[in-house]
Amino acid sequence: MVRGLGELESRIMDWMWARRRPASVREVLEGLRQEREIAYTTVMTVMDKLHTKGLLKRRPVGRAYVYEPVASKEAYTADLMRSALAGSGNQAATLVHFLERLTPEEAAALEAALQVFPHRGRQA
């Protein structure tokens, strides 16, 4: 089951997804310090936890690690959505409630995605 992220985990992952290339703890720290004061050890600990959770991969470079996301933000979000749906008692009812709450922009995005995605199990 995929779990949501805490506030600092989310901030770090958003920074990593936006960067689109590997980064050291020091680089992430410098990026986060644009918005708030934070300790190096705090960022290092959270990035290690994100690695343990399977969201970041890392490789040693000198005496430190360089991290990068395992998957895109969109893929992570899709996993969250699938996990929530799988955990519902009635998937059809859950989907109906989801669809009822879509904004016009979200409904348009869903319609566009359905045009691209091949229909499985449907006769043409």
N, C-alpha and C. Protein backbone atom coordinates (compact mmCIF):
# COMPACT_ATOMS: atom_id res chain seq x y z
N MET A 1 0.84 -1.19 0.00
CA MET A 1 0.00 0.00 0.00
C MET A 1 0.88 1.25 0.00
N VAL A 2 0.60 2.17 -0.87
CA VAL A 2 1.33 3.42 -0.97
C VAL A 2 0.76 4.40 0.05
N ARG A 3 1.63 5.03 0.79
CA ARG A 3 1.19 6.02 1.79
C ARG A 3 1.52 7.42 1.31
N GLY A 4 0.77 8.36 1.81
CA GLY A 4 1.06 9.76 1.52
C GLY A 4 2.34 10.18 2.23
N LEU A 5 2.79 11.35 1.92
CA LEU A 5 4.03 11.87 2.48
C LEU A 5 3.75 12.92 3.53
N GLY A 6 4.67 13.05 4.48
CA GLY A 6 4.62 14.13 5.45
C GLY A 6 4.98 15.45 4.78
N GLU A 7 4.84 16.54 5.50
CA GLU A 7 5.06 17.87 4.94
C GLU A 7 6.48 18.04 4.40
N LEU A 8 7.49 17.69 5.18
CA LEU A 8 8.87 17.86 4.72
C LEU A 8 9.22 16.84 3.63
N GLU A 9 8.70 15.63 3.76
CA GLU A 9 8.91 14.63 2.71
C GLU A 9 8.34 15.13 1.37
N SER A 10 7.15 15.70 1.43
CA SER A 10 6.52 16.24 0.22
C SER A 10 7.33 17.37 -0.37
N ARG A 11 7.81 18.24 0.48
CA ARG A 11 8.60 19.39 0.01
C ARG A 11 9.88 18.92 -0.67
N ILE A 12 10.55 17.95 -0.06
CA ILE A 12 11.79 17.42 -0.65
C ILE A 12 11.50 16.72 -1.97
N MET A 13 10.46 15.89 -2.00
CA MET A 13 10.13 15.19 -3.24
C MET A 13 9.73 16.19 -4.33
N ASP A 14 8.95 17.20 -4.01
CA ASP A 14 8.58 18.21 -5.00
C ASP A 14 9.83 18.90 -5.55
N TRP A 15 10.79 19.21 -4.67
CA TRP A 15 12.04 19.84 -5.10
C TRP A 15 12.80 18.90 -6.03
N MET A 16 12.87 17.61 -5.65
CA MET A 16 13.59 16.63 -6.47
C MET A 16 12.91 16.43 -7.82
N TRP A 17 11.58 16.33 -7.84
CA TRP A 17 10.85 16.16 -9.09
C TRP A 17 11.04 17.38 -10.00
N ALA A 18 11.03 18.57 -9.43
CA ALA A 18 11.20 19.79 -10.23
C ALA A 18 12.63 19.89 -10.77
N ARG A 19 13.59 19.41 -10.03
CA ARG A 19 15.00 19.49 -10.44
C ARG A 19 15.30 18.61 -11.65
N ARG A 20 14.73 17.42 -11.68
CA ARG A 20 14.87 16.49 -12.80
C ARG A 20 16.30 16.00 -13.04
N ARG A 21 17.10 16.01 -11.99
CA ARG A 21 18.43 15.41 -12.07
C ARG A 21 18.88 15.09 -10.65
N PRO A 22 19.85 14.22 -10.49
CA PRO A 22 20.29 13.83 -9.15
C PRO A 22 20.77 15.02 -8.33
N ALA A 23 20.65 14.87 -7.00
CA ALA A 23 21.07 15.95 -6.10
C ALA A 23 21.61 15.36 -4.80
N SER A 24 22.56 16.07 -4.23
CA SER A 24 23.09 15.70 -2.91
C SER A 24 22.20 16.31 -1.83
N VAL A 25 22.40 15.84 -0.61
CA VAL A 25 21.68 16.42 0.53
C VAL A 25 21.98 17.92 0.61
N ARG A 26 23.25 18.29 0.41
CA ARG A 26 23.65 19.70 0.48
C ARG A 26 22.89 20.55 -0.55
N GLU A 27 22.72 20.03 -1.77
CA GLU A 27 21.99 20.78 -2.79
C GLU A 27 20.52 20.93 -2.42
N VAL A 28 19.93 19.86 -1.90
CA VAL A 28 18.53 19.95 -1.46
C VAL A 28 18.40 20.94 -0.31
N LEU A 29 19.33 20.87 0.62
CA LEU A 29 19.33 21.81 1.76
C LEU A 29 19.36 23.25 1.26
N GLU A 30 20.26 23.55 0.34
CA GLU A 30 20.36 24.91 -0.20
C GLU A 30 19.07 25.33 -0.89
N GLY A 31 18.44 24.40 -1.61
CA GLY A 31 17.17 24.70 -2.25
C GLY A 31 16.06 24.98 -1.25
N LEU A 32 16.00 24.17 -0.20
CA LEU A 32 14.96 24.36 0.81
C LEU A 32 15.18 25.61 1.65
N ARG A 33 16.43 25.99 1.82
CA ARG A 33 16.73 27.18 2.63
C ARG A 33 16.30 28.46 1.94
N GLN A 34 15.91 28.39 0.68
CA GLN A 34 15.32 29.55 0.00
C GLN A 34 13.99 29.92 0.65
N GLU A 35 13.33 28.92 1.25
CA GLU A 35 12.00 29.11 1.83
C GLU A 35 11.97 29.09 3.34
N ARG A 36 12.92 28.36 3.97
CA ARG A 36 12.86 28.19 5.43
C ARG A 36 14.22 27.79 5.96
N GLU A 37 14.42 28.00 7.24
CA GLU A 37 15.65 27.57 7.90
C GLU A 37 15.49 26.11 8.28
N ILE A 38 16.48 25.31 7.94
CA ILE A 38 16.40 23.88 8.21
C ILE A 38 17.82 23.33 8.37
N ALA A 39 17.96 22.31 9.20
CA ALA A 39 19.27 21.74 9.48
C ALA A 39 19.65 20.68 8.44
N TYR A 40 20.94 20.59 8.17
CA TYR A 40 21.47 19.58 7.25
C TYR A 40 21.06 18.19 7.69
N THR A 41 21.20 17.89 8.98
CA THR A 41 20.89 16.54 9.48
C THR A 41 19.40 16.20 9.31
N THR A 42 18.55 17.20 9.39
CA THR A 42 17.12 16.96 9.19
C THR A 42 16.86 16.53 7.75
N VAL A 43 17.43 17.26 6.80
CA VAL A 43 17.25 16.93 5.39
C VAL A 43 17.86 15.56 5.11
N MET A 44 19.04 15.29 5.66
CA MET A 44 19.70 13.99 5.44
C MET A 44 18.83 12.85 5.97
N THR A 45 18.27 13.01 7.15
CA THR A 45 17.43 11.98 7.75
C THR A 45 16.18 11.73 6.92
N VAL A 46 15.52 12.79 6.47
CA VAL A 46 14.30 12.64 5.68
C VAL A 46 14.60 12.00 4.33
N MET A 47 15.71 12.40 3.72
CA MET A 47 16.07 11.79 2.43
C MET A 47 16.42 10.32 2.59
N ASP A 48 17.05 9.96 3.71
CA ASP A 48 17.32 8.55 3.98
C ASP A 48 16.01 7.78 4.14
N LYS A 49 15.03 8.38 4.82
CA LYS A 49 13.72 7.73 4.98
C LYS A 49 13.01 7.58 3.63
N LEU A 50 13.13 8.59 2.77
CA LEU A 50 12.53 8.50 1.44
C LEU A 50 13.21 7.41 0.62
N HIS A 51 14.49 7.21 0.84
CA HIS A 51 15.21 6.11 0.18
C HIS A 51 14.69 4.77 0.72
N THR A 52 14.55 4.67 2.02
CA THR A 52 14.05 3.44 2.65
C THR A 52 12.64 3.12 2.17
N LYS A 53 11.81 4.13 1.96
CA LYS A 53 10.44 3.94 1.48
C LYS A 53 10.40 3.60 -0.01
N GLY A 54 11.53 3.69 -0.69
CA GLY A 54 11.58 3.36 -2.10
C GLY A 54 11.24 4.49 -3.04
N LEU A 55 11.21 5.73 -2.54
CA LEU A 55 10.88 6.87 -3.38
C LEU A 55 12.11 7.53 -3.99
N LEU A 56 13.26 7.40 -3.32
CA LEU A 56 14.52 7.92 -3.84
C LEU A 56 15.51 6.79 -3.97
N LYS A 57 16.30 6.81 -5.04
CA LYS A 57 17.43 5.90 -5.13
C LYS A 57 18.68 6.75 -4.91
N ARG A 58 19.75 6.10 -4.49
CA ARG A 58 20.96 6.85 -4.22
C ARG A 58 22.19 6.06 -4.64
N ARG A 59 23.25 6.81 -4.89
CA ARG A 59 24.53 6.20 -5.19
C ARG A 59 25.62 7.03 -4.50
N PRO A 60 26.65 6.35 -4.04
CA PRO A 60 27.72 7.09 -3.36
C PRO A 60 28.55 7.91 -4.35
N VAL A 61 28.85 9.10 -3.95
CA VAL A 61 29.76 9.98 -4.68
C VAL A 61 30.68 10.59 -3.64
N GLY A 62 31.93 10.11 -3.62
CA GLY A 62 32.84 10.55 -2.56
C GLY A 62 32.35 10.03 -1.23
N ARG A 63 32.25 10.94 -0.26
CA ARG A 63 31.79 10.55 1.08
C ARG A 63 30.31 10.79 1.30
N ALA A 64 29.60 11.16 0.24
CA ALA A 64 28.17 11.46 0.37
C ALA A 64 27.38 10.63 -0.65
N TYR A 65 26.08 10.78 -0.61
CA TYR A 65 25.20 10.15 -1.58
C TYR A 65 24.61 11.21 -2.50
N VAL A 66 24.30 10.78 -3.71
CA VAL A 66 23.52 11.58 -4.65
C VAL A 66 22.21 10.83 -4.84
N TYR A 67 21.11 11.55 -4.71
CA TYR A 67 19.77 10.96 -4.75
C TYR A 67 19.03 11.40 -6.01
N GLU A 68 18.09 10.53 -6.43
CA GLU A 68 17.16 10.90 -7.48
C GLU A 68 15.85 10.12 -7.30
N PRO A 69 14.75 10.68 -7.75
CA PRO A 69 13.46 9.98 -7.62
C PRO A 69 13.45 8.67 -8.39
N VAL A 70 12.79 7.68 -7.82
CA VAL A 70 12.63 6.38 -8.48
C VAL A 70 11.60 6.49 -9.61
N ALA A 71 10.57 7.30 -9.41
CA ALA A 71 9.50 7.46 -10.40
C ALA A 71 9.10 8.93 -10.48
N SER A 72 8.35 9.27 -11.49
CA SER A 72 7.86 10.64 -11.66
C SER A 72 6.79 10.96 -10.61
N LYS A 73 6.53 12.24 -10.45
CA LYS A 73 5.47 12.67 -9.53
C LYS A 73 4.12 12.11 -9.99
N GLU A 74 3.91 12.08 -11.29
CA GLU A 74 2.66 11.57 -11.84
C GLU A 74 2.48 10.09 -11.54
N ALA A 75 3.56 9.32 -11.66
CA ALA A 75 3.49 7.88 -11.36
C ALA A 75 3.23 7.66 -9.87
N TYR A 76 3.88 8.45 -9.01
CA TYR A 76 3.66 8.35 -7.57
C TYR A 76 2.19 8.67 -7.24
N THR A 77 1.68 9.74 -7.84
CA THR A 77 0.29 10.13 -7.59
C THR A 77 -0.68 9.05 -8.06
N ALA A 78 -0.39 8.45 -9.21
CA ALA A 78 -1.24 7.36 -9.71
C ALA A 78 -1.23 6.18 -8.74
N ASP A 79 -0.06 5.88 -8.16
CA ASP A 79 0.01 4.80 -7.17
C ASP A 79 -0.82 5.12 -5.93
N LEU A 80 -0.80 6.38 -5.50
CA LEU A 80 -1.64 6.80 -4.36
C LEU A 80 -3.12 6.60 -4.68
N MET A 81 -3.51 7.01 -5.89
CA MET A 81 -4.91 6.89 -6.29
C MET A 81 -5.33 5.43 -6.36
N ARG A 82 -4.49 4.57 -6.93
CA ARG A 82 -4.82 3.14 -7.01
C ARG A 82 -4.92 2.53 -5.63
N SER A 83 -4.03 2.91 -4.73
CA SER A 83 -4.04 2.39 -3.37
C SER A 83 -5.33 2.80 -2.65
N ALA A 84 -5.73 4.05 -2.83
CA ALA A 84 -6.97 4.52 -2.20
C ALA A 84 -8.17 3.77 -2.76
N LEU A 85 -8.20 3.56 -4.05
CA LEU A 85 -9.30 2.83 -4.67
C LEU A 85 -9.33 1.38 -4.21
N ALA A 86 -8.16 0.76 -4.13
CA ALA A 86 -8.09 -0.65 -3.69
C ALA A 86 -8.55 -0.80 -2.25
N GLY A 87 -8.35 0.25 -1.44
CA GLY A 87 -8.73 0.18 -0.04
C GLY A 87 -10.18 0.52 0.23
N SER A 88 -10.90 0.93 -0.79
CA SER A 88 -12.30 1.29 -0.59
C SER A 88 -13.14 0.01 -0.53
N GLY A 89 -14.23 0.06 0.16
CA GLY A 89 -15.08 -1.12 0.26
C GLY A 89 -15.84 -1.40 -1.02
N ASN A 90 -16.17 -0.36 -1.76
CA ASN A 90 -16.96 -0.49 -2.98
C ASN A 90 -16.31 0.41 -4.04
N GLN A 91 -15.54 -0.21 -4.92
CA GLN A 91 -14.79 0.58 -5.90
C GLN A 91 -15.69 1.37 -6.84
N ALA A 92 -16.79 0.79 -7.27
CA ALA A 92 -17.70 1.50 -8.17
C ALA A 92 -18.27 2.74 -7.50
N ALA A 93 -18.71 2.61 -6.25
CA ALA A 93 -19.26 3.76 -5.52
C ALA A 93 -18.19 4.81 -5.28
N THR A 94 -16.99 4.36 -4.97
CA THR A 94 -15.89 5.30 -4.75
C THR A 94 -15.62 6.09 -6.02
N LEU A 95 -15.60 5.42 -7.17
CA LEU A 95 -15.37 6.11 -8.44
C LEU A 95 -16.49 7.10 -8.74
N VAL A 96 -17.72 6.73 -8.44
CA VAL A 96 -18.84 7.65 -8.67
C VAL A 96 -18.66 8.90 -7.81
N HIS A 97 -18.32 8.73 -6.55
CA HIS A 97 -18.10 9.89 -5.67
C HIS A 97 -16.93 10.74 -6.18
N PHE A 98 -15.89 10.09 -6.66
CA PHE A 98 -14.74 10.80 -7.22
C PHE A 98 -15.17 11.65 -8.42
N LEU A 99 -15.91 11.03 -9.33
CA LEU A 99 -16.36 11.73 -10.53
C LEU A 99 -17.28 12.90 -10.20
N GLU A 100 -18.13 12.74 -9.20
CA GLU A 100 -19.05 13.82 -8.79
C GLU A 100 -18.30 15.06 -8.32
N ARG A 101 -17.10 14.85 -7.81
CA ARG A 101 -16.35 15.95 -7.22
C ARG A 101 -15.33 16.60 -8.17
N LEU A 102 -15.23 16.11 -9.40
CA LEU A 102 -14.27 16.67 -10.35
C LEU A 102 -14.65 18.09 -10.75
N THR A 103 -13.64 18.95 -10.83
CA THR A 103 -13.86 20.28 -11.38
C THR A 103 -13.97 20.14 -12.90
N PRO A 104 -14.45 21.17 -13.59
CA PRO A 104 -14.49 21.09 -15.05
C PRO A 104 -13.10 20.83 -15.66
N GLU A 105 -12.07 21.42 -15.09
CA GLU A 105 -10.71 21.21 -15.59
C GLU A 105 -10.27 19.76 -15.38
N GLU A 106 -10.59 19.20 -14.21
CA GLU A 106 -10.23 17.81 -13.94
C GLU A 106 -11.00 16.86 -14.84
N ALA A 107 -12.29 17.17 -15.08
CA ALA A 107 -13.10 16.33 -15.97
C ALA A 107 -12.53 16.36 -17.40
N ALA A 108 -12.09 17.52 -17.83
CA ALA A 108 -11.49 17.63 -19.17
C ALA A 108 -10.19 16.84 -19.23
N ALA A 109 -9.39 16.88 -18.17
CA ALA A 109 -8.15 16.10 -18.13
C ALA A 109 -8.45 14.61 -18.17
N LEU A 110 -9.49 14.17 -17.45
CA LEU A 110 -9.88 12.77 -17.46
C LEU A 110 -10.35 12.35 -18.86
N GLU A 111 -11.15 13.18 -19.50
CA GLU A 111 -11.61 12.87 -20.85
C GLU A 111 -10.43 12.77 -21.82
N ALA A 112 -9.46 13.67 -21.71
CA ALA A 112 -8.29 13.64 -22.58
C ALA A 112 -7.47 12.37 -22.32
N ALA A 113 -7.32 12.00 -21.06
CA ALA A 113 -6.56 10.79 -20.72
C ALA A 113 -7.25 9.55 -21.27
N LEU A 114 -8.57 9.51 -21.20
CA LEU A 114 -9.31 8.35 -21.72
C LEU A 114 -9.20 8.24 -23.24
N GLN A 115 -8.99 9.35 -23.92
CA GLN A 115 -8.81 9.31 -25.37
C GLN A 115 -7.46 8.69 -25.74
N VAL A 116 -6.47 8.87 -24.87
CA VAL A 116 -5.13 8.37 -25.12
C VAL A 116 -4.98 6.93 -24.67
N PHE A 117 -5.60 6.58 -23.56
CA PHE A 117 -5.44 5.26 -22.96
C PHE A 117 -6.24 4.23 -23.74
N PRO A 118 -5.62 3.09 -24.09
CA PRO A 118 -6.38 2.05 -24.81
C PRO A 118 -7.45 1.44 -23.90
N HIS A 119 -8.62 1.26 -24.46
CA HIS A 119 -9.72 0.66 -23.69
C HIS A 119 -9.51 -0.83 -23.58
N ARG A 120 -9.30 -1.30 -22.37
CA ARG A 120 -9.10 -2.74 -22.15
C ARG A 120 -10.45 -3.40 -21.93
N GLY A 121 -10.63 -4.54 -22.54
CA GLY A 121 -11.82 -5.33 -22.29
C GLY A 121 -13.07 -4.83 -22.97
N ARG A 122 -12.97 -3.81 -23.79
CA ARG A 122 -14.14 -3.27 -24.49
C ARG A 122 -14.11 -3.70 -25.94
N GLN A 123 -15.28 -4.00 -26.44
CA GLN A 123 -15.42 -4.30 -27.87
C GLN A 123 -15.51 -2.97 -28.62
N ALA A 124 -14.88 -2.89 -29.76
CA ALA A 124 -14.93 -1.65 -30.54
C ALA A 124 -16.20 -1.56 -31.36
